[in-house]
Amino acid sequence: MARKARPEGTRAPNGASSVYFGNDGKWHGRVTVGVRDDGRPDRRHVKRKTEAEVIKAVRELERQRDAGKVRNPGRAWTVEKWLTHWVENIAAPSVRRTTMVGYRSSVYNHLIPGVGAHRLDRLSPEHLERLYATLQLPKGQGGKGLAAGTVHLAHRTLRAALSEAIRRNHVAENVAKVAKPPRIDEDEVVPFTVEEARRILATAAGVRNGARFVVALTIGLRRGEALGLKWSDLDIKWRHGCEKDSECRGTAAQMCPDRQLRSATMTIRRAVQQFVWQHGCTVGPDGRVCGRKYGAHCPQRHGGGVVITDVKSRAGRRTVGVPAPLVHEIERHRERQGFERLQAANLWREEGWVFTNRLGGPVHPTVDHEAWKALLRKAAVRNARLHDARHTAATMLLVLKVPLPAVMEIMGWSDASIARRYMHVPSEFLAVIADQVGGLVWADPKDDDEGDPPADAQIRF
């Protein structure tokens, strides 16, 4: 619709938007969106082929101005320049090293080659959806043959980068929140049954570092957290179990032959993690001059190996109670470690780790993985991930009806929604509940002297 003509001899008030036909044969619009740093009006310019198009663009600028979402003045960022700046200067100092590996891979291998040439403020959801589809196409059809999980990581990376761009007024909206990423079919996690857990615990008592897997099943520590434990992280308090008039009372309670556990806690402070080696010969984001495919084989490799890091998050830095049976298992492990220390003699590295290699250093995550698989075979239990033991620990807390805030503290979760992924109702209890529902709904009225069940009746198991 054409704009209304202004009465002859009048002028628009200062700061009002204007639309006019230029000598170049195009329609132009100007909108004042604020004040520049030097105090002059920040007046933006748009140009379109028709009057209707330029009016629409002017109205959109006015809408963004009124909503406080106008991008900062100056030349617009391209997607490539913004992603490079974001990943190297904004994300790198503030996120974990493992997170940066995924960010850089997504930015340099997928996002910049796919949509890097677009202006940041003109990127659309359709651009992203076409990119996601192309990335999943087989290589013979012009794609990269990527798994849905890899494409989803690129989507989350771009979403994080655009959220920061919005915060700095470089763009008005986050198109990655509108675009539909590929669906990820989550693998079904089946926690260990009570019988499987008991067999694992019984077998772990006879293997080296077996207490480490008892910790996984009962407290649910992540692999890196368990391997990162030091003896100083354990606070075990004992009390005398001997007679009050016994001579033992004059010694420390932990030396008492009949000692009894008073309390025990475990503080999670650090984690042992394995990082992938990076190419040191790289020239640019996607050039490997050494010719080797994997960074581990590069003569100038860097950034890989086993590293001791802080725990995953603020919620991950936590103190949890240790059950008495686990305390006794840890104490037996301490005794066995003492014998290994004597055997290693001066080769032993006294670094205070609870779970060690044979020379006192931290256990390598790969070695830990192999030990877990060997334990499952020895216990004649189905093959499963070590992380499934964490699901088992969370499920046991559910069965014990532990309040959710306490479960979050024990498991180191920062978001209650994570509980849905970790907690599972065991099949044994599903059968019990089904029987109770059947008995309640199909009960013979003659067997019910009271008629209808009371309003406060509860299913218990």
Protein backbone atom coordinates (compact mmCIF):
# COMPACT_ATOMS: atom_id res chain seq x y z
CA MET A 1 0.00 0.00 0.00
CA ALA A 2 1.37 3.41 -0.98
CA ARG A 3 2.27 5.80 1.80
CA LYS A 4 0.21 8.92 2.41
CA ALA A 5 1.55 12.13 0.87
CA ARG A 6 2.60 14.81 3.36
CA PRO A 7 0.82 18.19 3.00
CA GLU A 8 2.75 20.60 0.84
CA GLY A 9 4.95 23.03 2.71
CA THR A 10 5.41 20.77 5.74
CA ARG A 11 8.32 18.63 6.86
CA ALA A 12 8.68 15.50 8.94
CA PRO A 13 9.66 16.02 12.58
CA ASN A 14 13.28 15.42 13.57
CA GLY A 15 14.04 11.73 13.95
CA ALA A 16 11.05 10.56 11.91
CA SER A 17 11.51 7.86 9.29
CA SER A 18 11.60 8.90 5.65
CA VAL A 19 10.95 7.18 2.31
CA TYR A 20 11.94 8.65 -1.06
CA PHE A 21 12.67 7.74 -4.68
CA GLY A 22 16.32 8.23 -5.57
CA ASN A 23 18.08 9.27 -8.76
CA ASP A 24 19.39 5.71 -9.06
CA GLY A 25 15.87 4.43 -9.79
CA LYS A 26 15.55 2.72 -6.39
CA TRP A 27 13.40 3.47 -3.35
CA HIS A 28 15.25 4.48 -0.21
CA GLY A 29 14.28 4.57 3.44
CA ARG A 30 15.98 6.05 6.49
CA VAL A 31 15.17 5.25 10.12
CA THR A 32 16.63 6.79 13.27
CA VAL A 33 17.27 3.90 15.67
CA GLY A 34 19.24 5.64 18.41
CA VAL A 35 22.33 7.70 19.11
CA ARG A 36 25.89 6.85 18.13
CA ASP A 37 28.80 6.93 20.58
CA ASP A 38 29.78 10.41 19.33
CA GLY A 39 26.28 11.79 20.05
CA ARG A 40 25.06 11.97 16.47
CA PRO A 41 21.78 10.24 15.46
CA ASP A 42 22.21 6.61 14.43
CA ARG A 43 20.24 6.71 11.18
CA ARG A 44 20.01 3.47 9.18
CA HIS A 45 19.49 3.24 5.43
CA VAL A 46 17.61 0.61 3.41
CA LYS A 47 17.19 0.38 -0.38
CA ARG A 48 14.65 -1.66 -2.36
CA LYS A 49 13.23 -1.86 -5.90
CA THR A 50 9.67 -0.85 -5.04
CA GLU A 51 8.03 1.57 -2.63
CA ALA A 52 6.11 -1.25 -0.93
CA GLU A 53 9.32 -3.19 -0.29
CA VAL A 54 11.15 -0.22 1.20
CA ILE A 55 8.18 0.67 3.43
CA LYS A 56 8.15 -2.91 4.70
CA ALA A 57 11.90 -2.70 5.43
CA VAL A 58 11.45 0.64 7.22
CA ARG A 59 8.65 -0.79 9.38
CA GLU A 60 10.84 -3.78 10.28
CA LEU A 61 13.68 -1.48 11.34
CA GLU A 62 11.23 0.53 13.45
CA ARG A 63 9.97 -2.68 15.05
CA GLN A 64 13.51 -3.77 15.89
CA ARG A 65 14.27 -0.31 17.27
CA ASP A 66 11.20 -0.32 19.50
CA ALA A 67 12.04 -3.84 20.72
CA GLY A 68 15.67 -2.89 21.42
CA LYS A 69 16.98 -5.45 18.93
CA VAL A 70 18.70 -3.28 16.33
CA ARG A 71 22.18 -4.54 15.49
CA ASN A 72 25.16 -2.36 16.33
CA PRO A 73 26.26 0.26 13.77
CA GLY A 74 29.01 -0.50 11.33
CA ARG A 75 29.59 -3.06 8.61
CA ALA A 76 27.61 -6.25 9.21
CA TRP A 77 29.48 -9.39 10.23
CA THR A 78 29.64 -12.36 7.93
CA VAL A 79 28.88 -15.73 9.48
CA GLU A 80 32.49 -16.79 8.94
CA LYS A 81 34.00 -13.75 10.68
CA TRP A 82 31.60 -13.93 13.62
CA LEU A 83 32.04 -17.68 14.17
CA THR A 84 35.82 -17.34 14.02
CA HIS A 85 35.78 -14.44 16.49
CA TRP A 86 33.31 -16.22 18.77
CA VAL A 87 35.05 -19.58 18.93
CA GLU A 88 38.59 -18.20 19.39
CA ASN A 89 38.02 -15.11 21.53
CA ILE A 90 34.72 -15.59 23.37
CA ALA A 91 34.19 -19.32 23.82
CA ALA A 92 37.81 -20.45 24.20
CA PRO A 93 38.57 -18.65 27.50
CA SER A 94 35.27 -19.61 29.13
CA VAL A 95 34.37 -23.22 28.26
CA ARG A 96 35.96 -26.55 29.02
CA ARG A 97 38.68 -27.91 26.80
CA THR A 98 36.61 -30.91 25.74
CA THR A 99 33.78 -28.57 24.72
CA MET A 100 36.18 -26.51 22.59
CA VAL A 101 37.18 -29.59 20.60
CA GLY A 102 33.58 -30.00 19.47
CA TYR A 103 33.09 -26.26 18.89
CA ARG A 104 36.16 -25.92 16.67
CA SER A 105 35.34 -29.04 14.69
CA SER A 106 31.80 -27.81 14.02
CA VAL A 107 32.87 -24.25 13.14
CA TYR A 108 35.81 -24.98 10.85
CA ASN A 109 34.71 -28.27 9.28
CA HIS A 110 30.98 -27.76 8.80
CA LEU A 111 29.53 -24.31 9.57
CA ILE A 112 32.01 -22.00 7.85
CA PRO A 113 32.25 -24.11 4.66
CA GLY A 114 28.45 -24.40 4.60
CA VAL A 115 27.08 -20.95 5.49
CA GLY A 116 30.15 -18.81 6.21
CA ALA A 117 29.68 -16.46 3.24
CA HIS A 118 26.24 -15.23 4.40
CA ARG A 119 25.82 -11.94 6.19
CA LEU A 120 25.14 -12.70 9.82
CA ASP A 121 21.97 -10.61 9.93
CA ARG A 122 20.61 -12.24 6.77
CA LEU A 123 21.11 -15.85 7.80
CA SER A 124 17.80 -17.71 7.71
CA PRO A 125 16.48 -20.96 9.21
CA GLU A 126 16.15 -22.34 5.68
CA HIS A 127 19.88 -21.85 5.09
CA LEU A 128 20.59 -23.98 8.14
CA GLU A 129 18.08 -26.70 7.33
CA ARG A 130 19.53 -27.09 3.83
CA LEU A 131 23.01 -27.29 5.37
CA TYR A 132 21.93 -29.97 7.84
CA ALA A 133 20.38 -32.03 5.04
CA THR A 134 23.52 -31.71 2.89
CA LEU A 135 25.83 -32.72 5.73
CA GLN A 136 23.90 -35.97 6.17
CA LEU A 137 23.86 -36.88 2.47
CA PRO A 138 26.24 -39.68 1.43
CA LYS A 139 29.58 -38.53 0.07
CA GLY A 140 28.70 -39.82 -3.39
CA GLN A 141 25.70 -37.47 -3.48
CA GLY A 142 27.57 -34.29 -2.60
CA GLY A 143 27.28 -34.58 1.17
CA LYS A 144 29.61 -35.54 3.98
CA GLY A 145 27.77 -38.59 5.25
CA LEU A 146 27.70 -37.26 8.81
CA ALA A 147 25.73 -38.89 11.60
CA ALA A 148 22.73 -37.03 13.01
CA GLY A 149 24.58 -36.53 16.30
CA THR A 150 27.46 -34.72 14.57
CA VAL A 151 25.07 -32.44 12.70
CA HIS A 152 23.17 -31.78 15.92
CA LEU A 153 26.43 -30.71 17.57
CA ALA A 154 27.01 -28.20 14.75
CA HIS A 155 23.46 -26.92 15.29
CA ARG A 156 24.03 -26.44 19.04
CA THR A 157 27.35 -24.72 18.35
CA LEU A 158 25.76 -22.21 15.98
CA ARG A 159 22.90 -21.65 18.41
CA ALA A 160 25.38 -20.74 21.14
CA ALA A 161 27.30 -18.40 18.82
CA LEU A 162 24.13 -16.62 17.68
CA SER A 163 22.91 -16.23 21.26
CA GLU A 164 26.07 -14.25 21.98
CA ALA A 165 25.56 -12.23 18.79
CA ILE A 166 22.07 -11.28 20.00
CA ARG A 167 23.43 -10.24 23.39
CA ARG A 168 25.78 -7.86 21.57
CA ASN A 169 23.07 -6.57 19.20
CA HIS A 170 24.75 -7.93 16.07
CA VAL A 171 21.54 -9.73 15.06
CA ALA A 172 17.90 -9.41 16.07
CA GLU A 173 16.97 -13.09 16.37
CA ASN A 174 18.54 -16.51 16.74
CA VAL A 175 17.62 -18.35 13.56
CA ALA A 176 19.20 -21.55 14.93
CA LYS A 177 16.38 -21.67 17.49
CA VAL A 178 13.86 -21.64 14.64
CA ALA A 179 15.62 -24.12 12.32
CA LYS A 180 14.78 -27.80 12.82
CA PRO A 181 17.89 -29.88 13.56
CA PRO A 182 18.00 -33.58 12.66
CA ARG A 183 16.38 -35.95 15.08
CA ILE A 184 18.66 -38.03 17.26
CA ASP A 185 17.42 -41.47 18.21
CA GLU A 186 18.71 -42.00 21.73
CA ASP A 187 19.94 -45.46 22.56
CA GLU A 188 17.77 -47.14 25.16
CA VAL A 189 19.63 -47.45 28.43
CA VAL A 190 18.86 -50.55 30.48
CA PRO A 191 20.27 -50.26 34.01
CA PHE A 192 21.65 -53.34 35.69
CA THR A 193 19.15 -55.42 37.59
CA VAL A 194 19.65 -56.02 41.30
CA GLU A 195 20.96 -59.51 40.54
CA GLU A 196 23.42 -58.19 37.92
CA ALA A 197 24.63 -55.48 40.29
CA ARG A 198 25.26 -58.05 43.04
CA ARG A 199 27.26 -60.26 40.69
CA ILE A 200 29.37 -57.30 39.58
CA LEU A 201 30.03 -56.26 43.19
CA ALA A 202 30.97 -59.81 44.20
CA THR A 203 33.36 -60.15 41.27
CA ALA A 204 34.86 -56.68 41.78
CA ALA A 205 35.98 -57.68 45.28
CA GLY A 206 38.55 -60.01 43.71
CA VAL A 207 40.03 -57.81 40.97
CA ARG A 208 42.59 -55.02 41.06
CA ASN A 209 41.02 -51.58 41.61
CA GLY A 210 37.67 -53.36 41.97
CA ALA A 211 36.51 -50.76 44.50
CA ARG A 212 36.54 -48.25 41.65
CA PHE A 213 33.59 -50.07 40.02
CA VAL A 214 31.80 -50.41 43.35
CA VAL A 215 31.96 -46.60 43.52
CA ALA A 216 30.38 -46.41 40.04
CA LEU A 217 27.48 -48.69 40.94
CA THR A 218 26.66 -47.27 44.36
CA ILE A 219 27.44 -43.54 44.15
CA GLY A 220 27.31 -43.07 40.38
CA LEU A 221 30.50 -41.06 39.89
CA ARG A 222 31.49 -40.33 36.31
CA ARG A 223 34.57 -42.15 35.04
CA GLY A 224 36.83 -39.10 35.24
CA GLU A 225 35.54 -38.20 38.72
CA ALA A 226 36.23 -41.67 40.11
CA LEU A 227 39.73 -41.81 38.61
CA GLY A 228 40.39 -38.29 39.93
CA LEU A 229 39.78 -39.19 43.59
CA LYS A 230 42.61 -38.70 46.06
CA TRP A 231 42.81 -40.03 49.60
CA SER A 232 42.56 -36.46 50.85
CA ASP A 233 39.08 -36.29 49.29
CA LEU A 234 37.82 -38.95 51.70
CA ASP A 235 36.71 -37.94 55.20
CA ILE A 236 36.13 -41.14 57.19
CA LYS A 237 35.43 -40.87 60.91
CA TRP A 238 35.54 -43.88 63.23
CA ARG A 239 34.51 -44.52 66.82
CA HIS A 240 35.72 -47.13 69.29
CA GLY A 241 33.80 -50.39 69.36
CA CYS A 242 35.69 -51.86 72.30
CA GLU A 243 34.70 -51.81 75.98
CA LYS A 244 34.82 -48.43 77.67
CA ASP A 245 37.51 -49.56 80.14
CA SER A 246 39.67 -51.13 77.42
CA GLU A 247 43.29 -49.98 76.99
CA CYS A 248 42.42 -49.42 73.30
CA ARG A 249 40.51 -46.32 74.33
CA GLY A 250 43.79 -44.49 74.71
CA THR A 251 44.57 -44.81 70.99
CA ALA A 252 42.97 -43.31 67.90
CA ALA A 253 39.57 -44.77 67.05
CA GLN A 254 40.71 -45.84 63.60
CA MET A 255 43.30 -48.13 65.22
CA CYS A 256 40.69 -49.94 67.31
CA PRO A 257 40.29 -53.62 66.26
CA ASP A 258 36.53 -53.31 66.82
CA ARG A 259 36.17 -49.85 65.34
CA GLN A 260 32.78 -48.73 64.06
CA LEU A 261 32.03 -46.25 61.33
CA ARG A 262 30.77 -42.90 62.56
CA SER A 263 30.45 -41.09 59.21
CA ALA A 264 32.07 -41.00 55.78
CA THR A 265 31.97 -38.45 52.96
CA MET A 266 33.66 -38.13 49.59
CA THR A 267 34.39 -34.76 47.94
CA ILE A 268 34.58 -34.65 44.14
CA ARG A 269 37.04 -31.95 43.06
CA ARG A 270 38.83 -33.09 39.91
CA ALA A 271 38.62 -35.48 36.98
CA VAL A 272 41.07 -37.50 34.91
CA GLN A 273 40.31 -36.98 31.22
CA GLN A 274 41.77 -38.11 27.95
CA PHE A 275 42.04 -35.55 25.15
CA VAL A 276 42.45 -36.24 21.46
CA TRP A 277 45.80 -35.24 19.98
CA GLN A 278 45.65 -32.29 17.58
CA HIS A 279 47.76 -31.72 14.48
CA GLY A 280 50.64 -29.33 15.09
CA CYS A 281 51.44 -29.04 11.41
CA THR A 282 48.08 -27.55 10.46
CA VAL A 283 48.10 -24.55 8.14
CA GLY A 284 44.60 -23.09 8.43
CA PRO A 285 41.54 -24.84 9.79
CA ASP A 286 41.47 -27.75 7.36
CA GLY A 287 45.00 -28.31 6.02
CA ARG A 288 47.21 -31.18 7.26
CA VAL A 289 50.66 -30.78 5.76
CA CYS A 290 52.11 -33.87 7.45
CA GLY A 291 49.76 -36.07 5.41
CA ARG A 292 48.63 -38.16 8.37
CA LYS A 293 44.91 -38.54 9.04
CA TYR A 294 44.96 -38.58 12.84
CA GLY A 295 46.56 -36.00 15.08
CA ALA A 296 48.06 -38.74 17.26
CA HIS A 297 50.35 -39.68 14.34
CA CYS A 298 51.46 -36.11 13.62
CA PRO A 299 55.17 -35.46 14.39
CA GLN A 300 54.18 -32.09 15.89
CA ARG A 301 51.07 -33.26 17.74
CA HIS A 302 49.87 -31.27 20.73
CA GLY A 303 47.03 -30.92 23.22
CA GLY A 304 46.36 -34.62 23.73
CA GLY A 305 46.94 -37.29 26.34
CA VAL A 306 45.71 -37.68 29.90
CA VAL A 307 45.00 -34.41 31.72
CA ILE A 308 43.81 -33.63 35.25
CA THR A 309 41.00 -31.06 35.12
CA ASP A 310 38.45 -29.49 37.42
CA VAL A 311 35.13 -31.27 37.63
CA LYS A 312 32.43 -30.73 35.01
CA SER A 313 30.47 -27.88 36.60
CA ARG A 314 29.67 -26.08 39.83
CA ALA A 315 27.11 -28.78 40.56
CA GLY A 316 29.81 -31.37 39.91
CA ARG A 317 31.94 -30.01 42.76
CA ARG A 318 30.11 -31.77 45.54
CA THR A 319 30.40 -33.82 48.71
CA VAL A 320 28.45 -37.07 48.97
CA GLY A 321 27.91 -39.57 51.75
CA VAL A 322 29.60 -42.96 51.46
CA PRO A 323 27.65 -46.08 52.53
CA ALA A 324 29.30 -48.28 55.16
CA PRO A 325 29.80 -51.32 52.85
CA LEU A 326 31.60 -49.09 50.34
CA VAL A 327 33.80 -47.65 53.12
CA HIS A 328 34.89 -51.16 54.09
CA GLU A 329 35.58 -51.99 50.43
CA ILE A 330 37.68 -48.83 50.08
CA GLU A 331 39.63 -49.69 53.24
CA ARG A 332 40.43 -53.15 51.85
CA HIS A 333 41.53 -51.44 48.64
CA ARG A 334 43.78 -49.14 50.71
CA GLU A 335 45.50 -52.17 52.25
CA ARG A 336 46.09 -53.78 48.85
CA GLN A 337 47.50 -50.51 47.54
CA GLY A 338 49.93 -50.51 50.47
CA PHE A 339 51.32 -53.88 49.34
CA GLU A 340 51.72 -52.57 45.77
CA ARG A 341 53.59 -49.56 47.14
CA LEU A 342 56.06 -51.86 48.90
CA GLN A 343 56.55 -53.96 45.77
CA ALA A 344 57.19 -50.91 43.57
CA ALA A 345 59.72 -49.51 46.08
CA ASN A 346 61.39 -46.34 44.79
CA LEU A 347 59.50 -46.56 41.48
CA TRP A 348 56.25 -45.67 43.25
CA ARG A 349 54.89 -42.17 42.52
CA GLU A 350 53.36 -40.92 45.76
CA GLU A 351 50.67 -38.61 44.43
CA GLY A 352 47.80 -39.62 46.68
CA TRP A 353 45.49 -41.20 44.09
CA VAL A 354 42.85 -43.59 45.40
CA PHE A 355 42.94 -45.68 42.22
CA THR A 356 46.37 -46.04 40.65
CA ASN A 357 48.38 -47.86 38.05
CA ARG A 358 51.04 -50.22 39.38
CA LEU A 359 53.49 -47.38 39.94
CA GLY A 360 51.18 -44.99 41.79
CA GLY A 361 50.14 -42.75 38.90
CA PRO A 362 46.53 -42.11 37.83
CA VAL A 363 44.73 -44.84 35.89
CA HIS A 364 44.53 -44.20 32.15
CA PRO A 365 40.88 -43.97 30.98
CA THR A 366 41.52 -46.54 28.25
CA VAL A 367 42.93 -49.00 30.80
CA ASP A 368 39.91 -48.35 33.00
CA HIS A 369 37.58 -49.09 30.08
CA GLU A 370 39.32 -52.39 29.37
CA ALA A 371 39.18 -53.35 33.07
CA TRP A 372 35.43 -52.71 33.12
CA LYS A 373 34.82 -54.93 30.10
CA ALA A 374 36.96 -57.69 31.65
CA LEU A 375 34.97 -57.40 34.90
CA LEU A 376 31.67 -57.86 33.05
CA ARG A 377 32.98 -60.96 31.29
CA LYS A 378 34.26 -62.43 34.55
CA ALA A 379 30.94 -61.72 36.29
CA ALA A 380 29.02 -63.27 33.35
CA VAL A 381 26.98 -60.09 32.98
CA ARG A 382 25.76 -58.65 29.66
CA ASN A 383 28.04 -56.19 27.90
CA ALA A 384 27.22 -52.59 28.87
CA ARG A 385 28.85 -49.18 29.08
CA LEU A 386 30.45 -48.08 32.31
CA HIS A 387 28.13 -45.07 32.16
CA ASP A 388 25.21 -47.49 32.55
CA ALA A 389 26.43 -48.06 36.10
CA ARG A 390 25.71 -44.38 36.71
CA HIS A 391 22.16 -44.92 35.45
CA THR A 392 21.91 -47.86 37.83
CA ALA A 393 22.96 -45.72 40.79
CA ALA A 394 20.36 -43.08 39.89
CA THR A 395 17.68 -45.75 39.55
CA MET A 396 18.48 -47.16 42.99
CA LEU A 397 18.00 -43.69 44.45
CA LEU A 398 14.61 -43.55 42.70
CA VAL A 399 13.58 -46.90 44.15
CA LEU A 400 14.63 -45.72 47.62
CA LYS A 401 12.41 -42.63 47.12
CA VAL A 402 15.26 -40.20 47.78
CA PRO A 403 14.03 -36.58 47.22
CA LEU A 404 15.04 -35.14 43.85
CA PRO A 405 17.15 -32.26 45.30
CA ALA A 406 19.20 -34.83 47.21
CA VAL A 407 19.56 -37.00 44.10
CA MET A 408 20.78 -33.98 42.12
CA GLU A 409 23.39 -33.26 44.79
CA ILE A 410 24.62 -36.86 44.87
CA MET A 411 24.75 -37.26 41.08
CA GLY A 412 26.19 -33.81 40.40
CA TRP A 413 23.33 -32.59 38.19
CA SER A 414 22.71 -28.90 37.60
CA ASP A 415 19.29 -29.39 35.97
CA ALA A 416 16.41 -31.49 37.28
CA SER A 417 15.42 -32.40 33.71
CA ILE A 418 18.53 -34.60 33.49
CA ALA A 419 16.84 -36.98 35.94
CA ARG A 420 14.48 -38.12 33.19
CA ARG A 421 17.41 -39.51 31.19
CA TYR A 422 19.01 -41.28 34.11
CA MET A 423 16.20 -42.68 36.22
CA HIS A 424 14.45 -45.88 35.15
CA VAL A 425 11.79 -47.98 36.86
CA PRO A 426 13.14 -51.55 37.18
CA SER A 427 11.07 -54.25 35.49
CA GLU A 428 10.62 -56.03 38.83
CA PHE A 429 8.75 -53.02 40.20
CA LEU A 430 6.71 -52.59 37.03
CA ALA A 431 5.39 -56.12 37.57
CA VAL A 432 4.57 -55.39 41.22
CA ILE A 433 2.74 -52.18 40.27
CA ALA A 434 0.79 -54.01 37.54
CA ASP A 435 -0.33 -56.67 40.01
CA GLN A 436 -1.41 -54.03 42.52
CA VAL A 437 -3.35 -52.10 39.86
CA GLY A 438 -5.03 -55.32 38.74
CA GLY A 439 -5.97 -56.20 42.29
CA LEU A 440 -7.38 -52.70 42.85
CA VAL A 441 -9.43 -52.38 39.65
CA TRP A 442 -10.65 -55.95 39.20
CA ALA A 443 -11.11 -56.82 42.86
CA ASP A 444 -14.25 -58.74 43.78
CA PRO A 445 -16.61 -56.34 45.61
CA LYS A 446 -17.44 -59.16 48.04
CA ASP A 447 -13.81 -59.16 49.19
CA ASP A 448 -13.93 -55.47 50.01
CA ASP A 449 -15.72 -54.93 53.31
CA GLU A 450 -15.17 -51.21 53.15
CA GLY A 451 -16.51 -50.66 49.64
CA ASP A 452 -14.47 -48.03 47.76
CA PRO A 453 -10.81 -47.62 48.73
CA PRO A 454 -10.07 -44.65 50.99
CA ALA A 455 -9.08 -41.38 49.30
CA ASP A 456 -5.59 -41.50 50.80
CA ALA A 457 -4.85 -45.05 49.63
CA GLN A 458 -1.34 -45.41 48.15
CA ILE A 459 0.40 -48.06 46.12
CA ARG A 460 3.38 -49.27 48.14
CA PHE A 461 6.26 -51.56 47.26
